[in-house]
Amino acid sequence: MSHISQNKSRVITRVRRLRGQLDALERALEGEADCLDVLTQAAAIRGASQGLMVELLGDHLRQHVVAEDDASVRDAEAEQVLQLVKRYLG
């Protein structure tokens, strides 16, 4: 996927931030942190994960659906994205 390699550093930064948030959650659980702090960290992880998904999906849509000249390929790509979104939301 060319769009991932074009934005590799930005995507890797997001993944590293997400990993840091997961590590912080683990430390909070091991340290018996306050419930609200743990829930807040879990919410931050969800937001970071969704942000990563939105970035990757947006890049994919622009590169493989919108920019595709062949209508049959574009339709197939759109269907694949639809199936992915169903799995993600389901």
PDB file of N, CA and C in Angstrom:
ATOM      1  N   MET A   1       0.839  -1.177   0.000  1.00  0.00           N
ATOM      2  CA  MET A   1       0.000   0.000   0.000  1.00  0.00           C
ATOM      3  C   MET A   1       0.883   1.240   0.000  1.00  0.00           C
ATOM      4  N   SER A   2       0.881   1.938  -1.068  1.00  0.00           N
ATOM      5  CA  SER A   2       1.762   3.091  -1.200  1.00  0.00           C
ATOM      6  C   SER A   2       1.432   4.192  -0.207  1.00  0.00           C
ATOM      7  N   HIS A   3       0.170   4.371   0.122  1.00  0.00           N
ATOM      8  CA  HIS A   3      -0.188   5.462   1.030  1.00  0.00           C
ATOM      9  C   HIS A   3       0.349   5.240   2.432  1.00  0.00           C
ATOM     10  N   ILE A   4       0.518   3.994   2.839  1.00  0.00           N
ATOM     11  CA  ILE A   4       1.091   3.732   4.166  1.00  0.00           C
ATOM     12  C   ILE A   4       2.567   4.074   4.170  1.00  0.00           C
ATOM     13  N   SER A   5       3.280   3.713   3.123  1.00  0.00           N
ATOM     14  CA  SER A   5       4.705   4.037   3.094  1.00  0.00           C
ATOM     15  C   SER A   5       4.929   5.539   2.965  1.00  0.00           C
ATOM     16  N   GLN A   6       3.997   6.250   2.326  1.00  0.00           N
ATOM     17  CA  GLN A   6       4.122   7.706   2.202  1.00  0.00           C
ATOM     18  C   GLN A   6       3.950   8.390   3.557  1.00  0.00           C
ATOM     19  N   ASN A   7       3.117   7.823   4.413  1.00  0.00           N
ATOM     20  CA  ASN A   7       2.816   8.419   5.717  1.00  0.00           C
ATOM     21  C   ASN A   7       3.369   7.578   6.861  1.00  0.00           C
ATOM     22  N   LYS A   8       4.385   6.783   6.575  1.00  0.00           N
ATOM     23  CA  LYS A   8       4.888   5.821   7.545  1.00  0.00           C
ATOM     24  C   LYS A   8       5.266   6.462   8.876  1.00  0.00           C
ATOM     25  N   SER A   9       5.989   7.550   8.861  1.00  0.00           N
ATOM     26  CA  SER A   9       6.436   8.137  10.124  1.00  0.00           C
ATOM     27  C   SER A   9       5.255   8.630  10.955  1.00  0.00           C
ATOM     28  N   ARG A  10       4.262   9.203  10.309  1.00  0.00           N
ATOM     29  CA  ARG A  10       3.079   9.685  11.039  1.00  0.00           C
ATOM     30  C   ARG A  10       2.299   8.510  11.643  1.00  0.00           C
ATOM     31  N   VAL A  11       2.153   7.440  10.879  1.00  0.00           N
ATOM     32  CA  VAL A  11       1.426   6.269  11.366  1.00  0.00           C
ATOM     33  C   VAL A  11       2.203   5.598  12.492  1.00  0.00           C
ATOM     34  N   ILE A  12       3.496   5.456  12.334  1.00  0.00           N
ATOM     35  CA  ILE A  12       4.314   4.842  13.385  1.00  0.00           C
ATOM     36  C   ILE A  12       4.263   5.675  14.664  1.00  0.00           C
ATOM     37  N   THR A  13       4.261   6.994  14.534  1.00  0.00           N
ATOM     38  CA  THR A  13       4.126   7.856  15.713  1.00  0.00           C
ATOM     39  C   THR A  13       2.827   7.570  16.441  1.00  0.00           C
ATOM     40  N   ARG A  14       1.743   7.419  15.698  1.00  0.00           N
ATOM     41  CA  ARG A  14       0.445   7.091  16.319  1.00  0.00           C
ATOM     42  C   ARG A  14       0.491   5.739  17.024  1.00  0.00           C
ATOM     43  N   VAL A  15       1.122   4.754  16.377  1.00  0.00           N
ATOM     44  CA  VAL A  15       1.220   3.419  16.970  1.00  0.00           C
ATOM     45  C   VAL A  15       2.050   3.473  18.251  1.00  0.00           C
ATOM     46  N   ARG A  16       3.129   4.220  18.233  1.00  0.00           N
ATOM     47  CA  ARG A  16       3.974   4.335  19.434  1.00  0.00           C
ATOM     48  C   ARG A  16       3.237   5.042  20.565  1.00  0.00           C
ATOM     49  N   ARG A  17       2.447   6.040  20.229  1.00  0.00           N
ATOM     50  CA  ARG A  17       1.650   6.731  21.240  1.00  0.00           C
ATOM     51  C   ARG A  17       0.633   5.756  21.842  1.00  0.00           C
ATOM     52  N   LEU A  18       0.019   4.972  20.998  1.00  0.00           N
ATOM     53  CA  LEU A  18      -0.946   3.979  21.456  1.00  0.00           C
ATOM     54  C   LEU A  18      -0.271   2.946  22.364  1.00  0.00           C
ATOM     55  N   ARG A  19       0.918   2.495  21.959  1.00  0.00           N
ATOM     56  CA  ARG A  19       1.662   1.544  22.788  1.00  0.00           C
ATOM     57  C   ARG A  19       1.981   2.160  24.159  1.00  0.00           C
ATOM     58  N   GLY A  20       2.360   3.422  24.166  1.00  0.00           N
ATOM     59  CA  GLY A  20       2.641   4.104  25.428  1.00  0.00           C
ATOM     60  C   GLY A  20       1.411   4.178  26.311  1.00  0.00           C
ATOM     61  N   GLN A  21       0.268   4.421  25.700  1.00  0.00           N
ATOM     62  CA  GLN A  21      -0.969   4.474  26.479  1.00  0.00           C
ATOM     63  C   GLN A  21      -1.328   3.096  27.038  1.00  0.00           C
ATOM     64  N   LEU A  22      -1.095   2.051  26.251  1.00  0.00           N
ATOM     65  CA  LEU A  22      -1.344   0.692  26.744  1.00  0.00           C
ATOM     66  C   LEU A  22      -0.400   0.354  27.901  1.00  0.00           C
ATOM     67  N   ASP A  23       0.856   0.736  27.778  1.00  0.00           N
ATOM     68  CA  ASP A  23       1.813   0.505  28.860  1.00  0.00           C
ATOM     69  C   ASP A  23       1.393   1.258  30.126  1.00  0.00           C
ATOM     70  N   ALA A  24       0.914   2.484  29.952  1.00  0.00           N
ATOM     71  CA  ALA A  24       0.460   3.275  31.104  1.00  0.00           C
ATOM     72  C   ALA A  24      -0.750   2.619  31.768  1.00  0.00           C
ATOM     73  N   LEU A  25      -1.640   2.057  30.979  1.00  0.00           N
ATOM     74  CA  LEU A  25      -2.801   1.364  31.533  1.00  0.00           C
ATOM     75  C   LEU A  25      -2.353   0.134  32.318  1.00  0.00           C
ATOM     76  N   GLU A  26      -1.413  -0.598  31.762  1.00  0.00           N
ATOM     77  CA  GLU A  26      -0.903  -1.771  32.466  1.00  0.00           C
ATOM     78  C   GLU A  26      -0.281  -1.374  33.806  1.00  0.00           C
ATOM     79  N   ARG A  27       0.522  -0.311  33.795  1.00  0.00           N
ATOM     80  CA  ARG A  27       1.136   0.161  35.051  1.00  0.00           C
ATOM     81  C   ARG A  27       0.067   0.601  36.046  1.00  0.00           C
ATOM     82  N   ALA A  28      -0.970   1.260  35.546  1.00  0.00           N
ATOM     83  CA  ALA A  28      -2.051   1.716  36.429  1.00  0.00           C
ATOM     84  C   ALA A  28      -2.760   0.527  37.071  1.00  0.00           C
ATOM     85  N   LEU A  29      -2.986  -0.516  36.293  1.00  0.00           N
ATOM     86  CA  LEU A  29      -3.646  -1.709  36.824  1.00  0.00           C
ATOM     87  C   LEU A  29      -2.753  -2.433  37.819  1.00  0.00           C
ATOM     88  N   GLU A  30      -1.473  -2.534  37.499  1.00  0.00           N
ATOM     89  CA  GLU A  30      -0.539  -3.197  38.413  1.00  0.00           C
ATOM     90  C   GLU A  30      -0.376  -2.406  39.703  1.00  0.00           C
ATOM     91  N   GLY A  31      -0.446  -1.083  39.605  1.00  0.00           N
ATOM     92  CA  GLY A  31      -0.283  -0.231  40.771  1.00  0.00           C
ATOM     93  C   GLY A  31      -1.573   0.030  41.511  1.00  0.00           C
ATOM     94  N   GLU A  32      -2.634  -0.639  41.114  1.00  0.00           N
ATOM     95  CA  GLU A  32      -3.944  -0.487  41.747  1.00  0.00           C
ATOM     96  C   GLU A  32      -4.389   0.971  41.778  1.00  0.00           C
ATOM     97  N   ALA A  33      -4.319   1.603  40.624  1.00  0.00           N
ATOM     98  CA  ALA A  33      -4.729   3.001  40.486  1.00  0.00           C
ATOM     99  C   ALA A  33      -6.229   3.143  40.713  1.00  0.00           C
ATOM    100  N   ASP A  34      -6.633   4.358  40.926  1.00  0.00           N
ATOM    101  CA  ASP A  34      -8.041   4.690  41.099  1.00  0.00           C
ATOM    102  C   ASP A  34      -8.830   4.256  39.858  1.00  0.00           C
ATOM    103  N   CYS A  35     -10.042   3.762  40.078  1.00  0.00           N
ATOM    104  CA  CYS A  35     -10.890   3.276  38.974  1.00  0.00           C
ATOM    105  C   CYS A  35     -11.090   4.334  37.897  1.00  0.00           C
ATOM    106  N   LEU A  36     -11.323   5.558  38.296  1.00  0.00           N
ATOM    107  CA  LEU A  36     -11.566   6.615  37.317  1.00  0.00           C
ATOM    108  C   LEU A  36     -10.328   6.868  36.454  1.00  0.00           C
ATOM    109  N   ASP A  37      -9.155   6.778  37.051  1.00  0.00           N
ATOM    110  CA  ASP A  37      -7.913   6.932  36.287  1.00  0.00           C
ATOM    111  C   ASP A  37      -7.756   5.806  35.259  1.00  0.00           C
ATOM    112  N   VAL A  38      -8.088   4.590  35.662  1.00  0.00           N
ATOM    113  CA  VAL A  38      -7.999   3.441  34.753  1.00  0.00           C
ATOM    114  C   VAL A  38      -8.998   3.610  33.611  1.00  0.00           C
ATOM    115  N   LEU A  39     -10.224   3.995  33.932  1.00  0.00           N
ATOM    116  CA  LEU A  39     -11.241   4.198  32.903  1.00  0.00           C
ATOM    117  C   LEU A  39     -10.859   5.325  31.951  1.00  0.00           C
ATOM    118  N   THR A  40     -10.283   6.380  32.484  1.00  0.00           N
ATOM    119  CA  THR A  40      -9.842   7.495  31.645  1.00  0.00           C
ATOM    120  C   THR A  40      -8.742   7.043  30.694  1.00  0.00           C
ATOM    121  N   GLN A  41      -7.818   6.242  31.187  1.00  0.00           N
ATOM    122  CA  GLN A  41      -6.744   5.730  30.334  1.00  0.00           C
ATOM    123  C   GLN A  41      -7.311   4.811  29.260  1.00  0.00           C
ATOM    124  N   ALA A  42      -8.272   3.969  29.625  1.00  0.00           N
ATOM    125  CA  ALA A  42      -8.892   3.072  28.644  1.00  0.00           C
ATOM    126  C   ALA A  42      -9.613   3.881  27.564  1.00  0.00           C
ATOM    127  N   ALA A  43     -10.272   4.966  27.959  1.00  0.00           N
ATOM    128  CA  ALA A  43     -10.950   5.827  26.986  1.00  0.00           C
ATOM    129  C   ALA A  43      -9.938   6.491  26.055  1.00  0.00           C
ATOM    130  N   ALA A  44      -8.805   6.895  26.594  1.00  0.00           N
ATOM    131  CA  ALA A  44      -7.755   7.507  25.766  1.00  0.00           C
ATOM    132  C   ALA A  44      -7.213   6.506  24.751  1.00  0.00           C
ATOM    133  N   ILE A  45      -7.079   5.256  25.168  1.00  0.00           N
ATOM    134  CA  ILE A  45      -6.606   4.212  24.260  1.00  0.00           C
ATOM    135  C   ILE A  45      -7.603   4.003  23.134  1.00  0.00           C
ATOM    136  N   ARG A  46      -8.864   3.965  23.480  1.00  0.00           N
ATOM    137  CA  ARG A  46      -9.889   3.801  22.440  1.00  0.00           C
ATOM    138  C   ARG A  46      -9.841   4.954  21.447  1.00  0.00           C
ATOM    139  N   GLY A  47      -9.715   6.166  21.951  1.00  0.00           N
ATOM    140  CA  GLY A  47      -9.637   7.328  21.070  1.00  0.00           C
ATOM    141  C   GLY A  47      -8.417   7.278  20.159  1.00  0.00           C
ATOM    142  N   ALA A  48      -7.283   6.867  20.713  1.00  0.00           N
ATOM    143  CA  ALA A  48      -6.057   6.774  19.911  1.00  0.00           C
ATOM    144  C   ALA A  48      -6.190   5.696  18.841  1.00  0.00           C
ATOM    145  N   SER A  49      -6.792   4.589  19.206  1.00  0.00           N
ATOM    146  CA  SER A  49      -6.997   3.502  18.245  1.00  0.00           C
ATOM    147  C   SER A  49      -7.940   3.938  17.125  1.00  0.00           C
ATOM    148  N   GLN A  50      -8.999   4.615  17.489  1.00  0.00           N
ATOM    149  CA  GLN A  50      -9.934   5.103  16.475  1.00  0.00           C
ATOM    150  C   GLN A  50      -9.281   6.154  15.582  1.00  0.00           C
ATOM    151  N   GLY A  51      -8.453   7.008  16.159  1.00  0.00           N
ATOM    152  CA  GLY A  51      -7.745   8.004  15.363  1.00  0.00           C
ATOM    153  C   GLY A  51      -6.826   7.359  14.346  1.00  0.00           C
ATOM    154  N   LEU A  52      -6.146   6.296  14.762  1.00  0.00           N
ATOM    155  CA  LEU A  52      -5.283   5.555  13.845  1.00  0.00           C
ATOM    156  C   LEU A  52      -6.109   4.938  12.722  1.00  0.00           C
ATOM    157  N   MET A  53      -7.232   4.338  13.084  1.00  0.00           N
ATOM    158  CA  MET A  53      -8.093   3.722  12.081  1.00  0.00           C
ATOM    159  C   MET A  53      -8.617   4.757  11.091  1.00  0.00           C
ATOM    160  N   VAL A  54      -9.030   5.907  11.573  1.00  0.00           N
ATOM    161  CA  VAL A  54      -9.545   6.965  10.699  1.00  0.00           C
ATOM    162  C   VAL A  54      -8.472   7.431   9.726  1.00  0.00           C
ATOM    163  N   GLU A  55      -7.262   7.608  10.227  1.00  0.00           N
ATOM    164  CA  GLU A  55      -6.166   8.038   9.350  1.00  0.00           C
ATOM    165  C   GLU A  55      -5.868   7.003   8.270  1.00  0.00           C
ATOM    166  N   LEU A  56      -5.744   5.737   8.667  1.00  0.00           N
ATOM    167  CA  LEU A  56      -5.463   4.684   7.700  1.00  0.00           C
ATOM    168  C   LEU A  56      -6.601   4.522   6.695  1.00  0.00           C
ATOM    169  N   LEU A  57      -7.815   4.537   7.188  1.00  0.00           N
ATOM    170  CA  LEU A  57      -8.975   4.375   6.311  1.00  0.00           C
ATOM    171  C   LEU A  57      -9.117   5.551   5.351  1.00  0.00           C
ATOM    172  N   GLY A  58      -8.909   6.758   5.848  1.00  0.00           N
ATOM    173  CA  GLY A  58      -8.985   7.940   4.986  1.00  0.00           C
ATOM    174  C   GLY A  58      -7.963   7.896   3.868  1.00  0.00           C
ATOM    175  N   ASP A  59      -6.740   7.538   4.219  1.00  0.00           N
ATOM    176  CA  ASP A  59      -5.697   7.414   3.195  1.00  0.00           C
ATOM    177  C   ASP A  59      -6.052   6.336   2.184  1.00  0.00           C
ATOM    178  N   HIS A  60      -6.572   5.217   2.681  1.00  0.00           N
ATOM    179  CA  HIS A  60      -6.950   4.125   1.781  1.00  0.00           C
ATOM    180  C   HIS A  60      -8.073   4.561   0.837  1.00  0.00           C
ATOM    181  N   LEU A  61      -9.078   5.217   1.376  1.00  0.00           N
ATOM    182  CA  LEU A  61     -10.188   5.681   0.530  1.00  0.00           C
ATOM    183  C   LEU A  61      -9.697   6.626  -0.561  1.00  0.00           C
ATOM    184  N   ARG A  62      -8.840   7.554  -0.184  1.00  0.00           N
ATOM    185  CA  ARG A  62      -8.330   8.511  -1.176  1.00  0.00           C
ATOM    186  C   ARG A  62      -7.498   7.828  -2.257  1.00  0.00           C
ATOM    187  N   GLN A  63      -6.661   6.879  -1.860  1.00  0.00           N
ATOM    188  CA  GLN A  63      -5.740   6.250  -2.811  1.00  0.00           C
ATOM    189  C   GLN A  63      -6.375   5.140  -3.639  1.00  0.00           C
ATOM    190  N   HIS A  64      -7.233   4.343  -3.011  1.00  0.00           N
ATOM    191  CA  HIS A  64      -7.699   3.129  -3.672  1.00  0.00           C
ATOM    192  C   HIS A  64      -9.167   3.164  -4.097  1.00  0.00           C
ATOM    193  N   VAL A  65      -9.892   4.180  -3.697  1.00  0.00           N
ATOM    194  CA  VAL A  65     -11.296   4.264  -4.110  1.00  0.00           C
ATOM    195  C   VAL A  65     -11.511   5.535  -4.925  1.00  0.00           C
ATOM    196  N   VAL A  66     -11.301   6.662  -4.319  1.00  0.00           N
ATOM    197  CA  VAL A  66     -11.572   7.943  -4.986  1.00  0.00           C
ATOM    198  C   VAL A  66     -10.684   8.133  -6.213  1.00  0.00           C
ATOM    199  N   ALA A  67      -9.410   7.810  -6.098  1.00  0.00           N
ATOM    200  CA  ALA A  67      -8.467   8.061  -7.190  1.00  0.00           C
ATOM    201  C   ALA A  67      -8.480   6.969  -8.265  1.00  0.00           C
ATOM    202  N   GLU A  68      -9.253   5.915  -8.054  1.00  0.00           N
ATOM    203  CA  GLU A  68      -9.285   4.812  -9.016  1.00  0.00           C
ATOM    204  C   GLU A  68     -10.110   5.200 -10.240  1.00  0.00           C
ATOM    205  N   ASP A  69      -9.498   5.099 -11.407  1.00  0.00           N
ATOM    206  CA  ASP A  69     -10.177   5.460 -12.650  1.00  0.00           C
ATOM    207  C   ASP A  69     -11.138   4.380 -13.145  1.00  0.00           C
ATOM    208  N   ASP A  70     -10.790   3.133 -12.928  1.00  0.00           N
ATOM    209  CA  ASP A  70     -11.600   2.015 -13.405  1.00  0.00           C
ATOM    210  C   ASP A  70     -12.803   1.820 -12.459  1.00  0.00           C
ATOM    211  N   ALA A  71     -14.007   2.003 -12.991  1.00  0.00           N
ATOM    212  CA  ALA A  71     -15.221   1.944 -12.177  1.00  0.00           C
ATOM    213  C   ALA A  71     -15.415   0.584 -11.512  1.00  0.00           C
ATOM    214  N   SER A  72     -15.084  -0.494 -12.195  1.00  0.00           N
ATOM    215  CA  SER A  72     -15.277  -1.817 -11.600  1.00  0.00           C
ATOM    216  C   SER A  72     -14.293  -2.053 -10.449  1.00  0.00           C
ATOM    217  N   VAL A  73     -13.071  -1.581 -10.611  1.00  0.00           N
ATOM    218  CA  VAL A  73     -12.087  -1.695  -9.529  1.00  0.00           C
ATOM    219  C   VAL A  73     -12.511  -0.804  -8.367  1.00  0.00           C
ATOM    220  N   ARG A  74     -12.966   0.402  -8.668  1.00  0.00           N
ATOM    221  CA  ARG A  74     -13.424   1.329  -7.637  1.00  0.00           C
ATOM    222  C   ARG A  74     -14.579   0.715  -6.841  1.00  0.00           C
ATOM    223  N   ASP A  75     -15.533   0.095  -7.532  1.00  0.00           N
ATOM    224  CA  ASP A  75     -16.662  -0.543  -6.855  1.00  0.00           C
ATOM    225  C   ASP A  75     -16.196  -1.691  -5.956  1.00  0.00           C
ATOM    226  N   ALA A  76     -15.257  -2.489  -6.457  1.00  0.00           N
ATOM    227  CA  ALA A  76     -14.728  -3.597  -5.666  1.00  0.00           C
ATOM    228  C   ALA A  76     -14.001  -3.085  -4.422  1.00  0.00           C
ATOM    229  N   GLU A  77     -13.213  -2.040  -4.605  1.00  0.00           N
ATOM    230  CA  GLU A  77     -12.502  -1.441  -3.458  1.00  0.00           C
ATOM    231  C   GLU A  77     -13.491  -0.875  -2.441  1.00  0.00           C
ATOM    232  N   ALA A  78     -14.521  -0.207  -2.925  1.00  0.00           N
ATOM    233  CA  ALA A  78     -15.538   0.363  -2.028  1.00  0.00           C
ATOM    234  C   ALA A  78     -16.235  -0.747  -1.245  1.00  0.00           C
ATOM    235  N   GLU A  79     -16.509  -1.847  -1.906  1.00  0.00           N
ATOM    236  CA  GLU A  79     -17.151  -2.982  -1.220  1.00  0.00           C
ATOM    237  C   GLU A  79     -16.233  -3.551  -0.146  1.00  0.00           C
ATOM    238  N   GLN A  80     -14.944  -3.646  -0.430  1.00  0.00           N
ATOM    239  CA  GLN A  80     -13.990  -4.131   0.569  1.00  0.00           C
ATOM    240  C   GLN A  80     -13.944  -3.205   1.779  1.00  0.00           C
ATOM    241  N   VAL A  81     -13.972  -1.907   1.521  1.00  0.00           N
ATOM    242  CA  VAL A  81     -13.969  -0.940   2.620  1.00  0.00           C
ATOM    243  C   VAL A  81     -15.250  -1.078   3.435  1.00  0.00           C
ATOM    244  N   LEU A  82     -16.371  -1.255   2.778  1.00  0.00           N
ATOM    245  CA  LEU A  82     -17.642  -1.433   3.477  1.00  0.00           C
ATOM    246  C   LEU A  82     -17.588  -2.658   4.386  1.00  0.00           C
ATOM    247  N   GLN A  83     -17.041  -3.749   3.899  1.00  0.00           N
ATOM    248  CA  GLN A  83     -16.921  -4.956   4.713  1.00  0.00           C
ATOM    249  C   GLN A  83     -15.997  -4.713   5.912  1.00  0.00           C
ATOM    250  N   LEU A  84     -14.924  -3.994   5.690  1.00  0.00           N
ATOM    251  CA  LEU A  84     -14.006  -3.653   6.771  1.00  0.00           C
ATOM    252  C   LEU A  84     -14.705  -2.816   7.837  1.00  0.00           C
ATOM    253  N   VAL A  85     -15.460  -1.819   7.410  1.00  0.00           N
ATOM    254  CA  VAL A  85     -16.172  -0.959   8.360  1.00  0.00           C
ATOM    255  C   VAL A  85     -17.190  -1.769   9.146  1.00  0.00           C
ATOM    256  N   LYS A  86     -17.863  -2.696   8.495  1.00  0.00           N
ATOM    257  CA  LYS A  86     -18.818  -3.565   9.210  1.00  0.00           C
ATOM    258  C   LYS A  86     -18.116  -4.385  10.272  1.00  0.00           C
ATOM    259  N   ARG A  87     -16.950  -4.942   9.945  1.00  0.00           N
ATOM    260  CA  ARG A  87     -16.189  -5.711  10.951  1.00  0.00           C
ATOM    261  C   ARG A  87     -15.733  -4.804  12.087  1.00  0.00           C
ATOM    262  N   TYR A  88     -15.291  -3.618  11.748  1.00  0.00           N
ATOM    263  CA  TYR A  88     -14.775  -2.679  12.743  1.00  0.00           C
ATOM    264  C   TYR A  88     -15.874  -2.230  13.708  1.00  0.00           C
ATOM    265  N   LEU A  89     -17.039  -1.950  13.159  1.00  0.00           N
ATOM    266  CA  LEU A  89     -18.140  -1.458  13.998  1.00  0.00           C
ATOM    267  C   LEU A  89     -18.942  -2.578  14.644  1.00  0.00           C
ATOM    268  N   GLY A  90     -18.839  -3.777  14.088  1.00  0.00           N
ATOM    269  CA  GLY A  90     -19.656  -4.898  14.570  1.00  0.00           C
ATOM    270  C   GLY A  90     -19.069  -5.552  15.745  1.00  0.00           C
TER     271      GLY A  90
END
